[in-house]
C-alpha atoms as a PDB file:
ATOM      1  CA  MET A   1      -3.122 -10.183 -16.702  1.00  0.00           C
ATOM      2  CA  LYS A   2      -3.878  -9.083 -19.766  1.00  0.00           C
ATOM      3  CA  ALA A   3      -8.271  -8.249 -19.968  1.00  0.00           C
ATOM      4  CA  PHE A   4      -8.983  -5.914 -17.669  1.00  0.00           C
ATOM      5  CA  ALA A   5     -12.099  -4.943 -19.439  1.00  0.00           C
ATOM      6  CA  GLU A   6     -15.802  -5.545 -17.411  1.00  0.00           C
ATOM      7  CA  ARG A   7     -13.601  -7.484 -15.735  1.00  0.00           C
ATOM      8  CA  VAL A   8     -13.791  -6.621 -11.371  1.00  0.00           C
ATOM      9  CA  ALA A   9     -10.453  -4.653  -9.104  1.00  0.00           C
ATOM     10  CA  VAL A  10     -10.998  -4.438  -5.857  1.00  0.00           C
ATOM     11  CA  ILE A  11      -9.106  -1.662  -4.047  1.00  0.00           C
ATOM     12  CA  THR A  12      -8.336  -0.305  -0.714  1.00  0.00           C
ATOM     13  CA  GLY A  13      -7.616   2.553   0.565  1.00  0.00           C
ATOM     14  CA  ALA A  14      -9.302   3.873  -2.185  1.00  0.00           C
ATOM     15  CA  ALA A  15     -10.299   7.401  -0.662  1.00  0.00           C
ATOM     16  CA  GLY A  16      -7.267   9.299  -1.843  1.00  0.00           C
ATOM     17  CA  GLY A  17      -3.644   8.790  -2.485  1.00  0.00           C
ATOM     18  CA  LEU A  18      -2.851   5.712  -4.408  1.00  0.00           C
ATOM     19  CA  GLY A  19      -5.800   3.733  -3.885  1.00  0.00           C
ATOM     20  CA  ARG A  20      -7.467   7.205  -5.232  1.00  0.00           C
ATOM     21  CA  ALA A  21      -5.058   7.299  -8.722  1.00  0.00           C
ATOM     22  CA  LEU A  22      -5.017   3.630  -9.340  1.00  0.00           C
ATOM     23  CA  ALA A  23      -8.791   3.523  -9.441  1.00  0.00           C
ATOM     24  CA  PHE A  24      -9.425   6.386 -12.385  1.00  0.00           C
ATOM     25  CA  ARG A  25      -6.341   4.111 -13.939  1.00  0.00           C
ATOM     26  CA  LEU A  26      -8.581   1.747 -13.567  1.00  0.00           C
ATOM     27  CA  ALA A  27     -11.268   2.710 -14.648  1.00  0.00           C
ATOM     28  CA  ARG A  28      -9.792   3.727 -18.306  1.00  0.00           C
ATOM     29  CA  GLU A  29      -9.849   0.177 -18.786  1.00  0.00           C
ATOM     30  CA  ARG A  30     -13.574  -0.300 -18.043  1.00  0.00           C
ATOM     31  CA  MET A  31     -12.783  -2.089 -15.236  1.00  0.00           C
ATOM     32  CA  ARG A  32     -16.056  -2.387 -12.694  1.00  0.00           C
ATOM     33  CA  LEU A  33     -14.191  -0.827  -8.952  1.00  0.00           C
ATOM     34  CA  VAL A  34     -15.197  -1.922  -5.463  1.00  0.00           C
ATOM     35  CA  LEU A  35     -13.652   1.064  -3.696  1.00  0.00           C
ATOM     36  CA  ALA A  36     -13.184   0.344  -0.369  1.00  0.00           C
ATOM     37  CA  ASP A  37     -11.642   2.599   2.638  1.00  0.00           C
ATOM     38  CA  VAL A  38     -12.302   3.738   6.550  1.00  0.00           C
ATOM     39  CA  ASP A  39     -12.819   7.655   5.851  1.00  0.00           C
ATOM     40  CA  ALA A  40     -16.378   6.432   4.968  1.00  0.00           C
ATOM     41  CA  GLU A  41     -17.299  10.442   3.033  1.00  0.00           C
ATOM     42  CA  ALA A  42     -13.769  11.203   1.415  1.00  0.00           C
ATOM     43  CA  LEU A  43     -14.857   7.077  -0.446  1.00  0.00           C
ATOM     44  CA  GLU A  44     -18.111   8.733  -1.384  1.00  0.00           C
ATOM     45  CA  ARG A  45     -16.415  11.806  -3.115  1.00  0.00           C
ATOM     46  CA  ALA A  46     -14.176   9.551  -5.040  1.00  0.00           C
ATOM     47  CA  ALA A  47     -17.182   6.669  -5.913  1.00  0.00           C
ATOM     48  CA  ALA A  48     -19.302   9.985  -7.492  1.00  0.00           C
ATOM     49  CA  GLU A  49     -16.358  11.004  -9.138  1.00  0.00           C
ATOM     50  CA  LEU A  50     -15.468   7.645 -10.665  1.00  0.00           C
ATOM     51  CA  ALA A  51     -19.475   7.969 -11.002  1.00  0.00           C
ATOM     52  CA  ALA A  52     -19.322  11.320 -12.651  1.00  0.00           C
ATOM     53  CA  ALA A  53     -16.329  10.400 -15.136  1.00  0.00           C
ATOM     54  CA  GLY A  54     -18.172   7.190 -16.491  1.00  0.00           C
ATOM     55  CA  ALA A  55     -16.923   4.483 -13.985  1.00  0.00           C
ATOM     56  CA  ARG A  56     -19.332   1.709 -12.788  1.00  0.00           C
ATOM     57  CA  ALA A  57     -18.155   1.575  -9.201  1.00  0.00           C
ATOM     58  CA  ILE A  58     -19.044   1.024  -5.876  1.00  0.00           C
ATOM     59  CA  ALA A  59     -18.424   2.258  -1.701  1.00  0.00           C
ATOM     60  CA  VAL A  60     -17.823  -0.467   0.611  1.00  0.00           C
ATOM     61  CA  ARG A  61     -16.454   1.095   4.076  1.00  0.00           C
ATOM     62  CA  THR A  62     -14.494  -1.046   5.702  1.00  0.00           C
ATOM     63  CA  ASP A  63     -11.625  -0.954   8.221  1.00  0.00           C
ATOM     64  CA  VAL A  64      -8.486  -3.747   6.603  1.00  0.00           C
ATOM     65  CA  SER A  65      -7.200  -4.214   9.777  1.00  0.00           C
ATOM     66  CA  ARG A  66     -10.736  -6.500  10.655  1.00  0.00           C
ATOM     67  CA  GLY A  67     -10.435  -9.134   9.203  1.00  0.00           C
ATOM     68  CA  ALA A  68     -14.663  -9.619   9.179  1.00  0.00           C
ATOM     69  CA  ASP A  69     -15.034  -6.045   7.364  1.00  0.00           C
ATOM     70  CA  VAL A  70     -12.505  -7.451   4.538  1.00  0.00           C
ATOM     71  CA  GLU A  71     -14.722 -10.937   4.525  1.00  0.00           C
ATOM     72  CA  ALA A  72     -17.856  -8.412   3.805  1.00  0.00           C
ATOM     73  CA  LEU A  73     -15.509  -6.357   1.350  1.00  0.00           C
ATOM     74  CA  ALA A  74     -15.390  -9.894  -0.084  1.00  0.00           C
ATOM     75  CA  ARG A  75     -18.614 -10.552   0.235  1.00  0.00           C
ATOM     76  CA  ARG A  76     -20.559  -7.584  -1.230  1.00  0.00           C
ATOM     77  CA  ALA A  77     -17.949  -7.207  -4.203  1.00  0.00           C
ATOM     78  CA  LEU A  78     -19.100 -11.333  -5.271  1.00  0.00           C
ATOM     79  CA  ASP A  79     -22.446 -10.068  -4.337  1.00  0.00           C
ATOM     80  CA  GLU A  80     -22.139  -6.979  -6.571  1.00  0.00           C
ATOM     81  CA  HIS A  81     -20.480  -9.225  -9.402  1.00  0.00           C
ATOM     82  CA  GLY A  82     -19.985 -11.948  -9.056  1.00  0.00           C
ATOM     83  CA  ALA A  83     -16.153 -13.031  -9.009  1.00  0.00           C
ATOM     84  CA  VAL A  84     -12.802 -10.232  -8.190  1.00  0.00           C
ATOM     85  CA  HIS A  85     -10.476  -9.530 -10.886  1.00  0.00           C
ATOM     86  CA  LEU A  86      -7.561  -7.695  -8.972  1.00  0.00           C
ATOM     87  CA  VAL A  87      -6.727  -6.662  -5.566  1.00  0.00           C
ATOM     88  CA  CYS A  88      -4.836  -3.810  -4.688  1.00  0.00           C
ATOM     89  CA  ASN A  89      -3.799  -3.953  -0.833  1.00  0.00           C
ATOM     90  CA  ASN A  90      -2.880  -0.704  -0.911  1.00  0.00           C
ATOM     91  CA  ALA A  91      -4.062   0.626   2.726  1.00  0.00           C
ATOM     92  CA  GLY A  92      -1.780   2.659   4.848  1.00  0.00           C
ATOM     93  CA  VAL A  93      -1.349   4.457   7.174  1.00  0.00           C
ATOM     94  CA  ALA A  94       2.681   6.172   8.625  1.00  0.00           C
ATOM     95  CA  PRO A  95       3.202   7.121  12.802  1.00  0.00           C
ATOM     96  CA  LEU A  96       6.787   7.737  13.033  1.00  0.00           C
ATOM     97  CA  GLY A  97       9.781   8.658  15.284  1.00  0.00           C
ATOM     98  CA  ALA A  98      12.486   6.125  17.443  1.00  0.00           C
ATOM     99  CA  VAL A  99      11.225   2.879  18.315  1.00  0.00           C
ATOM    100  CA  TRP A 100      11.260   3.603  21.670  1.00  0.00           C
ATOM    101  CA  GLU A 101       8.529   6.374  21.342  1.00  0.00           C
ATOM    102  CA  SER A 102       6.363   4.549  18.926  1.00  0.00           C
ATOM    103  CA  SER A 103       3.724   3.418  22.175  1.00  0.00           C
ATOM    104  CA  GLU A 104       1.947   0.355  22.101  1.00  0.00           C
ATOM    105  CA  ALA A 105      -1.174   1.645  20.333  1.00  0.00           C
ATOM    106  CA  ASP A 106       1.137   3.599  17.452  1.00  0.00           C
ATOM    107  CA  TRP A 107       2.375  -0.462  16.588  1.00  0.00           C
ATOM    108  CA  ARG A 108      -1.187  -1.937  17.355  1.00  0.00           C
ATOM    109  CA  TRP A 109      -3.023   0.626  14.728  1.00  0.00           C
ATOM    110  CA  VAL A 110       0.192   1.126  12.201  1.00  0.00           C
ATOM    111  CA  LEU A 111       0.423  -3.340  11.927  1.00  0.00           C
ATOM    112  CA  GLY A 112      -3.101  -2.768  12.296  1.00  0.00           C
ATOM    113  CA  VAL A 113      -3.575  -1.379   8.942  1.00  0.00           C
ATOM    114  CA  ASN A 114      -0.434  -2.102   7.322  1.00  0.00           C
ATOM    115  CA  LEU A 115      -0.016  -5.385   7.959  1.00  0.00           C
ATOM    116  CA  TRP A 116      -3.372  -6.877   9.061  1.00  0.00           C
ATOM    117  CA  GLY A 117      -4.766  -5.137   5.701  1.00  0.00           C
ATOM    118  CA  VAL A 118      -2.540  -7.148   3.703  1.00  0.00           C
ATOM    119  CA  ILE A 119      -2.954 -10.281   5.145  1.00  0.00           C
ATOM    120  CA  HIS A 120      -6.634 -10.350   5.392  1.00  0.00           C
ATOM    121  CA  GLY A 121      -6.088  -8.847   1.508  1.00  0.00           C
ATOM    122  CA  VAL A 122      -4.914 -11.720   0.783  1.00  0.00           C
ATOM    123  CA  ARG A 123      -6.415 -14.817   3.636  1.00  0.00           C
ATOM    124  CA  VAL A 124      -9.572 -13.278   2.158  1.00  0.00           C
ATOM    125  CA  PHE A 125      -9.325 -12.802  -1.433  1.00  0.00           C
ATOM    126  CA  ALA A 126      -6.146 -15.039  -2.335  1.00  0.00           C
ATOM    127  CA  PRO A 127      -8.850 -18.120  -2.948  1.00  0.00           C
ATOM    128  CA  ILE A 128     -11.362 -16.665  -4.664  1.00  0.00           C
ATOM    129  CA  LEU A 129      -8.915 -15.904  -7.631  1.00  0.00           C
ATOM    130  CA  LEU A 130      -8.096 -19.693  -7.069  1.00  0.00           C
ATOM    131  CA  ALA A 131     -11.239 -20.676  -7.366  1.00  0.00           C
ATOM    132  CA  GLN A 132     -12.345 -18.966  -9.781  1.00  0.00           C
ATOM    133  CA  GLY A 133      -9.366 -20.915 -11.674  1.00  0.00           C
ATOM    134  CA  GLY A 134      -8.361 -18.333 -14.370  1.00  0.00           C
ATOM    135  CA  GLU A 135      -6.462 -14.963 -14.798  1.00  0.00           C
ATOM    136  CA  GLY A 136      -5.817 -13.151 -11.611  1.00  0.00           C
ATOM    137  CA  HIS A 137      -3.378 -10.530  -9.726  1.00  0.00           C
ATOM    138  CA  ILE A 138      -3.013  -9.047  -5.967  1.00  0.00           C
ATOM    139  CA  VAL A 139      -1.111  -5.867  -5.644  1.00  0.00           C
ATOM    140  CA  ASN A 140       0.165  -5.263  -1.747  1.00  0.00           C
ATOM    141  CA  THR A 141       1.473  -1.762  -1.481  1.00  0.00           C
ATOM    142  CA  ALA A 142       4.513  -2.037   0.532  1.00  0.00           C
ATOM    143  CA  SER A 143       6.519   1.522  -0.111  1.00  0.00           C
ATOM    144  CA  VAL A 144      10.107   1.820  -0.228  1.00  0.00           C
ATOM    145  CA  ALA A 145      11.206   1.172   3.368  1.00  0.00           C
ATOM    146  CA  GLY A 146      10.439  -2.440   2.815  1.00  0.00           C
ATOM    147  CA  LEU A 147      13.709  -2.610   1.359  1.00  0.00           C
ATOM    148  CA  ILE A 148      15.444  -0.090   3.732  1.00  0.00           C
ATOM    149  CA  SER A 149      15.128   0.660   7.729  1.00  0.00           C
ATOM    150  CA  PRO A 150      15.120   4.589   7.334  1.00  0.00           C
ATOM    151  CA  PRO A 151      15.286   6.230  11.176  1.00  0.00           C
ATOM    152  CA  GLY A 152      12.754   7.600  13.124  1.00  0.00           C
ATOM    153  CA  MET A 153       9.755   5.136  11.408  1.00  0.00           C
ATOM    154  CA  GLY A 154      10.520   1.912  13.131  1.00  0.00           C
ATOM    155  CA  ALA A 155       6.613   0.387  13.166  1.00  0.00           C
ATOM    156  CA  TYR A 156       5.709   1.374   9.075  1.00  0.00           C
ATOM    157  CA  ASN A 157       9.757   0.232   8.499  1.00  0.00           C
ATOM    158  CA  ALA A 158       8.152  -3.128  10.157  1.00  0.00           C
ATOM    159  CA  SER A 159       4.668  -3.367   8.781  1.00  0.00           C
ATOM    160  CA  LYS A 160       6.616  -2.915   4.910  1.00  0.00           C
ATOM    161  CA  HIS A 161       9.818  -5.468   5.108  1.00  0.00           C
ATOM    162  CA  ALA A 162       6.415  -7.225   6.220  1.00  0.00           C
ATOM    163  CA  VAL A 163       4.107  -6.487   3.576  1.00  0.00           C
ATOM    164  CA  VAL A 164       7.160  -7.806   1.086  1.00  0.00           C
ATOM    165  CA  ALA A 165       8.196 -11.086   2.663  1.00  0.00           C
ATOM    166  CA  LEU A 166       4.602 -11.819   2.787  1.00  0.00           C
ATOM    167  CA  THR A 167       4.139 -10.713  -0.743  1.00  0.00           C
ATOM    168  CA  GLU A 168       7.308 -12.846  -2.173  1.00  0.00           C
ATOM    169  CA  THR A 169       6.721 -15.633  -0.502  1.00  0.00           C
ATOM    170  CA  LEU A 170       3.267 -15.257  -1.980  1.00  0.00           C
ATOM    171  CA  HIS A 171       4.589 -16.167  -5.691  1.00  0.00           C
ATOM    172  CA  HIS A 172       6.884 -18.599  -4.857  1.00  0.00           C
ATOM    173  CA  ASP A 173       3.228 -20.397  -3.174  1.00  0.00           C
ATOM    174  CA  LEU A 174       1.369 -19.668  -5.871  1.00  0.00           C
ATOM    175  CA  ALA A 175       3.848 -21.174  -8.267  1.00  0.00           C
ATOM    176  CA  ALA A 176       4.127 -24.045  -6.113  1.00  0.00           C
ATOM    177  CA  ILE A 177       0.741 -25.203  -7.755  1.00  0.00           C
ATOM    178  CA  GLY A 178       0.888 -23.475 -10.701  1.00  0.00           C
ATOM    179  CA  ALA A 179      -1.245 -21.018 -10.846  1.00  0.00           C
ATOM    180  CA  ARG A 180      -3.019 -18.645 -12.667  1.00  0.00           C
ATOM    181  CA  VAL A 181      -3.030 -16.283  -9.969  1.00  0.00           C
ATOM    182  CA  ARG A 182       0.129 -13.427  -9.986  1.00  0.00           C
ATOM    183  CA  CYS A 183       0.909 -10.951  -7.440  1.00  0.00           C
ATOM    184  CA  SER A 184       3.010  -8.036  -6.996  1.00  0.00           C
ATOM    185  CA  VAL A 185       4.475  -5.830  -4.613  1.00  0.00           C
ATOM    186  CA  VAL A 186       4.709  -1.543  -4.322  1.00  0.00           C
ATOM    187  CA  CYS A 187       7.874  -0.105  -3.328  1.00  0.00           C
ATOM    188  CA  PRO A 188       7.485   3.261  -4.400  1.00  0.00           C
ATOM    189  CA  ALA A 189       9.863   6.591  -2.267  1.00  0.00           C
ATOM    190  CA  PHE A 190       7.161   9.633  -0.876  1.00  0.00           C
ATOM    191  CA  PHE A 191       4.659  10.959  -3.557  1.00  0.00           C
ATOM    192  CA  PRO A 192       2.580  13.666  -3.100  1.00  0.00           C
ATOM    193  CA  SER A 193      -0.361  11.687  -0.716  1.00  0.00           C
ATOM    194  CA  GLY A 194      -2.757  11.782   2.485  1.00  0.00           C
ATOM    195  CA  ILE A 195       0.298   9.770   5.003  1.00  0.00           C
ATOM    196  CA  ALA A 196       1.339  12.640   6.106  1.00  0.00           C
ATOM    197  CA  ASP A 197      -2.360  13.059   7.583  1.00  0.00           C
ATOM    198  CA  SER A 198      -3.401   9.535   8.403  1.00  0.00           C
ATOM    199  CA  GLU A 199      -3.695  10.685  12.009  1.00  0.00           C
ATOM    200  CA  ARG A 200      -7.020  11.577  11.188  1.00  0.00           C
ATOM    201  CA  THR A 201      -7.817   8.342  10.314  1.00  0.00           C
ATOM    202  CA  ARG A 202      -6.865   6.338  14.023  1.00  0.00           C
ATOM    203  CA  PRO A 203      -9.370   4.413  15.403  1.00  0.00           C
ATOM    204  CA  ALA A 204     -10.390   6.548  18.866  1.00  0.00           C
ATOM    205  CA  ALA A 205      -9.235   2.834  20.896  1.00  0.00           C
ATOM    206  CA  LEU A 206      -6.016   3.501  19.777  1.00  0.00           C
ATOM    207  CA  ALA A 207      -6.041   7.825  20.120  1.00  0.00           C
ATOM    208  CA  GLU A 208      -4.156   8.057  23.497  1.00  0.00           C
ATOM    209  CA  ALA A 209      -5.628  11.162  23.998  1.00  0.00           C
ATOM    210  CA  GLY A 210      -3.442  13.566  26.221  1.00  0.00           C
ATOM    211  CA  ARG A 211      -0.821  11.539  25.083  1.00  0.00           C
ATOM    212  CA  ALA A 212       2.145  14.623  23.753  1.00  0.00           C
ATOM    213  CA  LYS A 213       3.807  13.877  20.940  1.00  0.00           C
ATOM    214  CA  SER A 214       7.698  14.605  21.351  1.00  0.00           C
ATOM    215  CA  PRO A 215       9.506  17.398  19.539  1.00  0.00           C
ATOM    216  CA  ALA A 216      11.294  15.219  17.092  1.00  0.00           C
ATOM    217  CA  GLN A 217       7.745  13.661  16.523  1.00  0.00           C
ATOM    218  CA  LEU A 218       6.862  16.572  15.151  1.00  0.00           C
ATOM    219  CA  ALA A 219       9.953  17.616  13.573  1.00  0.00           C
ATOM    220  CA  LEU A 220       9.712  14.412  12.283  1.00  0.00           C
ATOM    221  CA  GLU A 221       6.000  14.499  11.176  1.00  0.00           C
ATOM    222  CA  ALA A 222       6.704  18.146   9.608  1.00  0.00           C
ATOM    223  CA  ASP A 223       9.428  16.856   7.630  1.00  0.00           C
ATOM    224  CA  LEU A 224       7.788  13.815   5.865  1.00  0.00           C
ATOM    225  CA  ARG A 225       4.767  16.401   4.857  1.00  0.00           C
ATOM    226  CA  LYS A 226       8.132  18.634   3.499  1.00  0.00           C
ATOM    227  CA  ALA A 227       8.792  14.964   1.569  1.00  0.00           C
ATOM    228  CA  VAL A 228       5.166  13.772   1.158  1.00  0.00           C
ATOM    229  CA  SER A 229       4.866  17.392  -1.079  1.00  0.00           C
ATOM    230  CA  ALA A 230       7.947  17.913  -2.695  1.00  0.00           C
ATOM    231  CA  GLY A 231       7.735  14.575  -4.508  1.00  0.00           C
ATOM    232  CA  ARG A 232       8.076  14.541  -8.119  1.00  0.00           C
ATOM    233  CA  VAL A 233       6.883  11.090  -9.289  1.00  0.00           C
ATOM    234  CA  SER A 234       2.895  11.119  -8.898  1.00  0.00           C
ATOM    235  CA  ALA A 235       0.310   9.026  -7.055  1.00  0.00           C
ATOM    236  CA  ASP A 236      -1.349   8.606 -10.915  1.00  0.00           C
ATOM    237  CA  ALA A 237       2.295   8.026 -12.520  1.00  0.00           C
ATOM    238  CA  ILE A 238       2.805   4.491  -9.709  1.00  0.00           C
ATOM    239  CA  ALA A 239      -1.136   3.834 -10.985  1.00  0.00           C
ATOM    240  CA  GLN A 240       0.441   3.603 -14.550  1.00  0.00           C
ATOM    241  CA  ALA A 241       3.289   1.558 -13.307  1.00  0.00           C
ATOM    242  CA  VAL A 242       1.649  -0.657 -11.213  1.00  0.00           C
ATOM    243  CA  PHE A 243      -1.432  -1.486 -14.079  1.00  0.00           C
ATOM    244  CA  GLU A 244       2.458  -1.487 -16.054  1.00  0.00           C
ATOM    245  CA  ALA A 245       2.777  -4.171 -13.649  1.00  0.00           C
ATOM    246  CA  VAL A 246      -0.711  -5.917 -13.977  1.00  0.00           C
ATOM    247  CA  ARG A 247      -0.160  -6.066 -17.313  1.00  0.00           C
ATOM    248  CA  ASP A 248       2.958  -7.515 -17.734  1.00  0.00           C
ATOM    249  CA  GLU A 249       2.927  -9.920 -14.857  1.00  0.00           C
ATOM    250  CA  ARG A 250       6.102  -7.929 -13.106  1.00  0.00           C
ATOM    251  CA  PHE A 251       6.100  -8.267  -9.856  1.00  0.00           C
ATOM    252  CA  TYR A 252       8.564  -5.100  -7.518  1.00  0.00           C
ATOM    253  CA  VAL A 253       7.423  -2.433  -8.963  1.00  0.00           C
ATOM    254  CA  LEU A 254       9.727   0.400  -8.405  1.00  0.00           C
ATOM    255  CA  THR A 255       9.175   3.679  -9.035  1.00  0.00           C
ATOM    256  CA  HIS A 256      11.515   5.766  -8.163  1.00  0.00           C
ATOM    257  CA  ALA A 257      14.677   4.910  -9.662  1.00  0.00           C
ATOM    258  CA  ARG A 258      17.298   6.788  -7.785  1.00  0.00           C
ATOM    259  CA  ILE A 259      16.416   4.507  -4.528  1.00  0.00           C
ATOM    260  CA  LYS A 260      17.585   1.603  -6.025  1.00  0.00           C
ATOM    261  CA  PRO A 261      21.561   2.738  -5.054  1.00  0.00           C
ATOM    262  CA  ALA A 262      20.316   2.753  -1.029  1.00  0.00           C
ATOM    263  CA  ILE A 263      18.685  -0.466  -1.011  1.00  0.00           C
ATOM    264  CA  GLU A 264      21.944  -1.643  -3.262  1.00  0.00           C
ATOM    265  CA  ARG A 265      24.037  -0.612  -0.656  1.00  0.00           C
ATOM    266  CA  ARG A 266      21.916  -2.228   1.841  1.00  0.00           C
ATOM    267  CA  MET A 267      22.051  -5.569   0.255  1.00  0.00           C
ATOM    268  CA  ARG A 268      26.237  -5.032   0.054  1.00  0.00           C
ATOM    269  CA  ASP A 269      25.745  -4.295   3.499  1.00  0.00           C
ATOM    270  CA  ILE A 270      24.213  -7.187   5.093  1.00  0.00           C
ATOM    271  CA  LEU A 271      26.450  -9.125   2.532  1.00  0.00           C
ATOM    272  CA  ASP A 272      29.526  -7.863   3.314  1.00  0.00           C
ATOM    273  CA  GLY A 273      28.546  -8.118   7.364  1.00  0.00           C
ATOM    274  CA  ARG A 274      29.365  -4.441   7.752  1.00  0.00           C
ATOM    275  CA  THR A 275      27.025  -2.462   9.853  1.00  0.00           C
ATOM    276  CA  PRO A 276      23.985  -0.919   8.924  1.00  0.00           C
ATOM    277  CA  ALA A 277      24.321   2.945   7.112  1.00  0.00           C
ATOM    278  CA  ASP A 278      22.011   5.441   7.336  1.00  0.00           C
ATOM    279  CA  PRO A 279      20.129   5.007   4.329  1.00  0.00           C
ATOM    280  CA  MET A 280      19.351   9.162   4.063  1.00  0.00           C
ATOM    281  CA  ARG A 281      22.341  10.445   4.520  1.00  0.00           C
ATOM    282  CA  GLY A 282      26.062   9.802   3.063  1.00  0.00           C
ATOM    283  CA  PRO A 283      26.621   9.066  -1.343  1.00  0.00           C
ATOM    284  CA  ASP A 284      23.766   7.515  -1.729  1.00  0.00           C
ATOM    285  CA  ALA A 285      20.671   9.390   1.087  1.00  0.00           C
ATOM    286  CA  THR A 286      18.018  10.022  -0.793  1.00  0.00           C
ATOM    287  CA  SER A 287      17.918  13.447  -0.191  1.00  0.00           C
ATOM    288  CA  GLN A 288      20.713  12.885  -3.749  1.00  0.00           C
ATOM    289  CA  GLY A 289      17.513  12.203  -5.099  1.00  0.00           C
ATOM    290  CA  ASP A 290      14.014  11.107  -4.579  1.00  0.00           C
ATOM    291  CA  PRO A 291      12.983  11.319  -1.273  1.00  0.00           C
ATOM    292  CA  ALA A 292      12.243   7.901   0.333  1.00  0.00           C
END
């Protein structure tokens, strides 16, 4: 996309973290914003802060795991603005634990938000962008966990690998029909955000009240909080990188350069038929640079 002023951006997970940072960055381009999040109170605060800064923004409470909610989000955006040009499928949650410790509820929650949220975003908005006939862009937020597989994050890793694969395929499908719509996949490592507190948005039906977490899960959560708070790259910097990728029509958005050796090592393990190396240990470990 080359033109941004007065065009319409839809952002999910917009109440905090990268979503909020994206909203403020796109507001600087004078885009009209449609903000979505499951946390209605935080979403309204973000919209009010943007309005106070002079942005044109509306808030639409949305559970991205529900197709009907995303369809309603699209209708509200079209009713309000008549078009959509940029879609940022950004909502995400991160339950932790060894693969065998993740319950069915954990899997349903993380796949519902992280994967089905992106599926619904593409399913609902891609036809709208294509029907408009002009340029447009879809940004899907994955993670470096979609390119490597850190231990203790099985459900999260699976969801993010799926988002990378979905977005790569979306790129090929758009190219096959000569569409002017482009797409990008964002793969950041840890950065200061609310991802460590995502449990607060878990729906009651998947809350599993009374279920105790194992000591290993509690230790992983503590490590996640530490890694998130110590992240060297800010949400604002990642939002800037996303904006530049949209402007320059660049597909992969890797915001933490020091993680690239771990990605390369995984690819080399695959090509050489080696047992996968732990990306959190060894010469390419994330502890040697920005955390993943």
